[in-house]
Amino acid sequence: MSGKKAIGEIRQVELGPVHIFALCSPIIPDMHRVYMNFMLRHGWHCSFLEEDLKTGLRKKLTFKEPAKIIEMAERFGQLSNLEERQAINHGIEYGR
């Protein structure tokens, strides 16, 4: 990492078959980066990882509709451009 903050962006990281999206809140710039992983299995299961992509956070969410994942990303200001929107839509289309 170059030391630059990627506030207001979604960054996609591929770990084998898993796609992880980084959500950084522009509202609270001093907060650390948290990555979100989502998967479709009898609902949309979302889990969160620290910046090292190894340490899992306790909070887990489950949604019935993928629109809630998009809404959560929008609330954090993460879908500010077409590339970010396409990245999260791509993950939703593949179910992860």
N, C-alpha and C. Protein backbone atom coordinates (compact mmCIF):
# COMPACT_ATOMS: atom_id res chain seq x y z
N MET A 1 0.85 -1.17 0.00
CA MET A 1 0.00 0.00 0.00
C MET A 1 0.89 1.23 0.00
N SER A 2 0.53 2.23 -0.79
CA SER A 2 1.38 3.39 -0.98
C SER A 2 1.17 4.47 0.08
N GLY A 3 0.31 4.26 1.04
CA GLY A 3 0.06 5.26 2.06
C GLY A 3 -1.08 6.20 1.70
N LYS A 4 -1.58 6.13 0.48
CA LYS A 4 -2.69 6.97 0.07
C LYS A 4 -4.00 6.34 0.54
N LYS A 5 -4.93 7.17 0.95
CA LYS A 5 -6.23 6.67 1.35
C LYS A 5 -7.13 6.58 0.13
N ALA A 6 -7.88 5.51 0.04
CA ALA A 6 -8.80 5.32 -1.09
C ALA A 6 -10.22 5.59 -0.61
N ILE A 7 -10.44 6.76 -0.09
CA ILE A 7 -11.74 7.11 0.47
C ILE A 7 -12.71 7.39 -0.66
N GLY A 8 -13.89 6.82 -0.55
CA GLY A 8 -14.92 7.03 -1.56
C GLY A 8 -14.76 6.13 -2.76
N GLU A 9 -14.12 4.99 -2.59
CA GLU A 9 -13.90 4.07 -3.69
C GLU A 9 -14.26 2.65 -3.27
N ILE A 10 -14.60 1.85 -4.26
CA ILE A 10 -14.71 0.41 -4.05
C ILE A 10 -13.54 -0.20 -4.77
N ARG A 11 -12.78 -0.98 -4.07
CA ARG A 11 -11.65 -1.68 -4.67
C ARG A 11 -11.96 -3.17 -4.65
N GLN A 12 -11.80 -3.83 -5.77
CA GLN A 12 -12.07 -5.25 -5.85
C GLN A 12 -10.77 -6.02 -5.74
N VAL A 13 -10.76 -7.01 -4.85
CA VAL A 13 -9.61 -7.88 -4.64
C VAL A 13 -10.08 -9.30 -4.88
N GLU A 14 -9.36 -10.05 -5.69
CA GLU A 14 -9.73 -11.43 -5.95
C GLU A 14 -8.82 -12.36 -5.17
N LEU A 15 -9.41 -13.22 -4.37
CA LEU A 15 -8.69 -14.25 -3.64
C LEU A 15 -9.24 -15.59 -4.11
N GLY A 16 -8.70 -16.09 -5.20
CA GLY A 16 -9.23 -17.31 -5.80
C GLY A 16 -10.64 -17.04 -6.29
N PRO A 17 -11.61 -17.85 -5.89
CA PRO A 17 -12.97 -17.65 -6.37
C PRO A 17 -13.74 -16.57 -5.61
N VAL A 18 -13.12 -15.96 -4.61
CA VAL A 18 -13.81 -14.98 -3.76
C VAL A 18 -13.44 -13.57 -4.21
N HIS A 19 -14.45 -12.73 -4.38
CA HIS A 19 -14.24 -11.32 -4.69
C HIS A 19 -14.56 -10.52 -3.45
N ILE A 20 -13.65 -9.65 -3.05
CA ILE A 20 -13.83 -8.84 -1.86
C ILE A 20 -13.84 -7.38 -2.29
N PHE A 21 -14.74 -6.61 -1.75
CA PHE A 21 -14.86 -5.21 -2.09
C PHE A 21 -14.53 -4.36 -0.88
N ALA A 22 -13.67 -3.37 -1.06
CA ALA A 22 -13.28 -2.47 0.01
C ALA A 22 -14.26 -1.32 0.07
N LEU A 23 -14.79 -1.06 1.22
CA LEU A 23 -15.69 0.07 1.43
C LEU A 23 -15.03 1.02 2.40
N CYS A 24 -14.82 2.26 1.99
CA CYS A 24 -14.22 3.27 2.85
C CYS A 24 -15.17 4.45 2.94
N SER A 25 -15.51 4.84 4.12
CA SER A 25 -16.48 5.91 4.31
C SER A 25 -15.87 7.29 4.14
N PRO A 26 -16.40 8.12 3.22
CA PRO A 26 -15.92 9.48 3.11
C PRO A 26 -16.43 10.37 4.24
N ILE A 27 -17.42 9.89 4.98
CA ILE A 27 -18.01 10.67 6.06
C ILE A 27 -17.06 10.73 7.25
N ILE A 28 -16.39 9.62 7.54
CA ILE A 28 -15.46 9.54 8.67
C ILE A 28 -14.10 9.13 8.12
N PRO A 29 -13.30 10.08 7.62
CA PRO A 29 -12.06 9.73 6.94
C PRO A 29 -10.98 9.10 7.82
N ASP A 30 -11.06 9.23 9.14
CA ASP A 30 -10.03 8.67 10.01
C ASP A 30 -10.24 7.19 10.30
N MET A 31 -11.36 6.65 9.88
CA MET A 31 -11.62 5.23 10.12
C MET A 31 -10.74 4.38 9.22
N HIS A 32 -10.42 3.20 9.68
CA HIS A 32 -9.59 2.30 8.88
C HIS A 32 -10.43 1.61 7.81
N ARG A 33 -9.75 1.05 6.84
CA ARG A 33 -10.41 0.38 5.72
C ARG A 33 -10.93 -0.97 6.15
N VAL A 34 -12.13 -1.29 5.70
CA VAL A 34 -12.77 -2.58 5.96
C VAL A 34 -13.21 -3.15 4.62
N TYR A 35 -12.95 -4.43 4.42
CA TYR A 35 -13.34 -5.10 3.18
C TYR A 35 -14.60 -5.91 3.42
N MET A 36 -15.48 -5.91 2.43
CA MET A 36 -16.73 -6.65 2.53
C MET A 36 -16.70 -7.78 1.53
N ASN A 37 -17.10 -8.94 1.97
CA ASN A 37 -17.24 -10.11 1.12
C ASN A 37 -18.70 -10.51 1.17
N PHE A 38 -19.31 -10.75 0.03
CA PHE A 38 -20.70 -11.20 0.04
C PHE A 38 -20.85 -12.42 -0.84
N MET A 39 -21.81 -13.29 -0.44
CA MET A 39 -22.03 -14.54 -1.14
C MET A 39 -23.51 -14.89 -1.08
N LEU A 40 -24.02 -15.42 -2.17
CA LEU A 40 -25.42 -15.84 -2.23
C LEU A 40 -25.53 -17.30 -1.84
N ARG A 41 -26.12 -17.53 -0.68
CA ARG A 41 -26.42 -18.88 -0.19
C ARG A 41 -27.65 -18.78 0.69
N HIS A 42 -28.81 -19.08 0.13
CA HIS A 42 -30.06 -18.94 0.88
C HIS A 42 -30.16 -17.54 1.47
N GLY A 43 -29.89 -16.54 0.67
CA GLY A 43 -29.84 -15.14 1.08
C GLY A 43 -28.43 -14.62 0.84
N TRP A 44 -28.27 -13.31 0.90
CA TRP A 44 -26.97 -12.68 0.67
C TRP A 44 -26.25 -12.52 2.01
N HIS A 45 -25.19 -13.27 2.19
CA HIS A 45 -24.41 -13.24 3.42
C HIS A 45 -23.21 -12.32 3.23
N CYS A 46 -23.10 -11.34 4.10
CA CYS A 46 -21.99 -10.37 4.04
C CYS A 46 -21.11 -10.55 5.27
N SER A 47 -19.82 -10.64 5.04
CA SER A 47 -18.86 -10.67 6.13
C SER A 47 -17.81 -9.60 5.86
N PHE A 48 -17.05 -9.27 6.87
CA PHE A 48 -16.13 -8.14 6.77
C PHE A 48 -14.75 -8.55 7.25
N LEU A 49 -13.72 -8.00 6.60
CA LEU A 49 -12.34 -8.30 6.93
C LEU A 49 -11.56 -7.02 7.17
N GLU A 50 -10.53 -7.13 8.01
CA GLU A 50 -9.61 -6.02 8.20
C GLU A 50 -8.79 -5.82 6.94
N GLU A 51 -8.00 -4.77 6.91
CA GLU A 51 -7.22 -4.41 5.73
C GLU A 51 -6.21 -5.50 5.33
N ASP A 52 -5.80 -6.33 6.28
CA ASP A 52 -4.84 -7.40 5.96
C ASP A 52 -5.48 -8.57 5.21
N LEU A 53 -6.81 -8.53 5.05
CA LEU A 53 -7.61 -9.56 4.36
C LEU A 53 -7.51 -10.93 5.03
N LYS A 54 -7.10 -10.97 6.28
CA LYS A 54 -7.00 -12.22 7.03
C LYS A 54 -7.84 -12.20 8.29
N THR A 55 -7.92 -11.04 8.92
CA THR A 55 -8.61 -10.91 10.19
C THR A 55 -10.08 -10.60 9.95
N GLY A 56 -10.94 -11.54 10.33
CA GLY A 56 -12.37 -11.34 10.16
C GLY A 56 -12.95 -10.50 11.29
N LEU A 57 -13.94 -9.70 10.95
CA LEU A 57 -14.66 -8.92 11.96
C LEU A 57 -15.88 -9.71 12.41
N ARG A 58 -16.35 -9.47 13.59
CA ARG A 58 -17.46 -10.24 14.15
C ARG A 58 -18.79 -9.98 13.43
N LYS A 59 -18.97 -8.77 12.96
CA LYS A 59 -20.26 -8.39 12.38
C LYS A 59 -20.49 -9.13 11.07
N LYS A 60 -21.64 -9.79 10.96
CA LYS A 60 -22.05 -10.44 9.73
C LYS A 60 -23.50 -10.04 9.46
N LEU A 61 -23.82 -9.83 8.20
CA LEU A 61 -25.16 -9.42 7.82
C LEU A 61 -25.73 -10.38 6.80
N THR A 62 -27.04 -10.55 6.80
CA THR A 62 -27.72 -11.37 5.80
C THR A 62 -28.89 -10.57 5.25
N PHE A 63 -28.97 -10.52 3.92
CA PHE A 63 -30.04 -9.80 3.24
C PHE A 63 -30.79 -10.74 2.31
N LYS A 64 -32.06 -10.46 2.09
CA LYS A 64 -32.85 -11.24 1.13
C LYS A 64 -32.58 -10.80 -0.30
N GLU A 65 -32.35 -9.53 -0.49
CA GLU A 65 -32.20 -8.96 -1.83
C GLU A 65 -30.82 -8.32 -1.99
N PRO A 66 -30.23 -8.42 -3.19
CA PRO A 66 -28.93 -7.78 -3.42
C PRO A 66 -29.01 -6.26 -3.41
N ALA A 67 -30.21 -5.72 -3.54
CA ALA A 67 -30.39 -4.26 -3.50
C ALA A 67 -29.89 -3.69 -2.17
N LYS A 68 -29.97 -4.48 -1.11
CA LYS A 68 -29.49 -4.01 0.21
C LYS A 68 -27.97 -3.86 0.22
N ILE A 69 -27.26 -4.72 -0.51
CA ILE A 69 -25.81 -4.59 -0.61
C ILE A 69 -25.46 -3.30 -1.33
N ILE A 70 -26.18 -3.03 -2.41
CA ILE A 70 -25.96 -1.81 -3.17
C ILE A 70 -26.31 -0.59 -2.33
N GLU A 71 -27.41 -0.67 -1.59
CA GLU A 71 -27.81 0.44 -0.72
C GLU A 71 -26.75 0.72 0.34
N MET A 72 -26.18 -0.33 0.92
CA MET A 72 -25.14 -0.16 1.92
C MET A 72 -23.92 0.53 1.31
N ALA A 73 -23.52 0.11 0.11
CA ALA A 73 -22.38 0.74 -0.57
C ALA A 73 -22.68 2.21 -0.89
N GLU A 74 -23.90 2.50 -1.30
CA GLU A 74 -24.29 3.89 -1.59
C GLU A 74 -24.25 4.75 -0.34
N ARG A 75 -24.69 4.20 0.79
CA ARG A 75 -24.67 4.97 2.05
C ARG A 75 -23.26 5.34 2.48
N PHE A 76 -22.30 4.50 2.13
CA PHE A 76 -20.90 4.80 2.43
C PHE A 76 -20.25 5.61 1.33
N GLY A 77 -21.02 6.02 0.31
CA GLY A 77 -20.49 6.85 -0.76
C GLY A 77 -19.57 6.11 -1.69
N GLN A 78 -19.78 4.80 -1.85
CA GLN A 78 -18.87 3.98 -2.62
C GLN A 78 -19.23 3.82 -4.09
N LEU A 79 -20.39 4.23 -4.50
CA LEU A 79 -20.81 4.05 -5.89
C LEU A 79 -20.86 5.39 -6.60
N SER A 80 -19.75 6.10 -6.54
CA SER A 80 -19.71 7.45 -7.09
C SER A 80 -19.41 7.49 -8.59
N ASN A 81 -18.95 6.36 -9.16
CA ASN A 81 -18.71 6.36 -10.59
C ASN A 81 -19.13 5.03 -11.20
N LEU A 82 -19.12 4.98 -12.51
CA LEU A 82 -19.60 3.80 -13.24
C LEU A 82 -18.76 2.57 -12.95
N GLU A 83 -17.45 2.73 -12.85
CA GLU A 83 -16.56 1.59 -12.61
C GLU A 83 -16.89 0.89 -11.29
N GLU A 84 -17.13 1.68 -10.24
CA GLU A 84 -17.46 1.12 -8.94
C GLU A 84 -18.79 0.39 -8.97
N ARG A 85 -19.77 0.99 -9.66
CA ARG A 85 -21.09 0.37 -9.77
C ARG A 85 -21.01 -0.94 -10.56
N GLN A 86 -20.23 -0.95 -11.64
CA GLN A 86 -20.08 -2.16 -12.44
C GLN A 86 -19.37 -3.26 -11.65
N ALA A 87 -18.39 -2.90 -10.82
CA ALA A 87 -17.67 -3.89 -10.03
C ALA A 87 -18.60 -4.59 -9.05
N ILE A 88 -19.42 -3.84 -8.35
CA ILE A 88 -20.31 -4.48 -7.37
C ILE A 88 -21.43 -5.25 -8.09
N ASN A 89 -21.93 -4.73 -9.20
CA ASN A 89 -22.94 -5.46 -9.97
C ASN A 89 -22.38 -6.76 -10.53
N HIS A 90 -21.13 -6.75 -10.94
CA HIS A 90 -20.48 -7.97 -11.43
C HIS A 90 -20.43 -9.02 -10.33
N GLY A 91 -20.05 -8.63 -9.13
CA GLY A 91 -20.01 -9.55 -8.01
C GLY A 91 -21.39 -10.10 -7.69
N ILE A 92 -22.40 -9.28 -7.76
CA ILE A 92 -23.77 -9.72 -7.49
C ILE A 92 -24.24 -10.71 -8.56
N GLU A 93 -23.92 -10.43 -9.82
CA GLU A 93 -24.31 -11.35 -10.89
C GLU A 93 -23.74 -12.75 -10.69
N TYR A 94 -22.51 -12.83 -10.19
CA TYR A 94 -21.88 -14.13 -9.96
C TYR A 94 -22.20 -14.72 -8.60
N GLY A 95 -22.93 -13.99 -7.79
CA GLY A 95 -23.32 -14.51 -6.48
C GLY A 95 -22.24 -14.44 -5.43
N ARG A 96 -21.17 -13.68 -5.73
CA ARG A 96 -20.10 -13.48 -4.73
C ARG A 96 -19.16 -12.38 -5.18
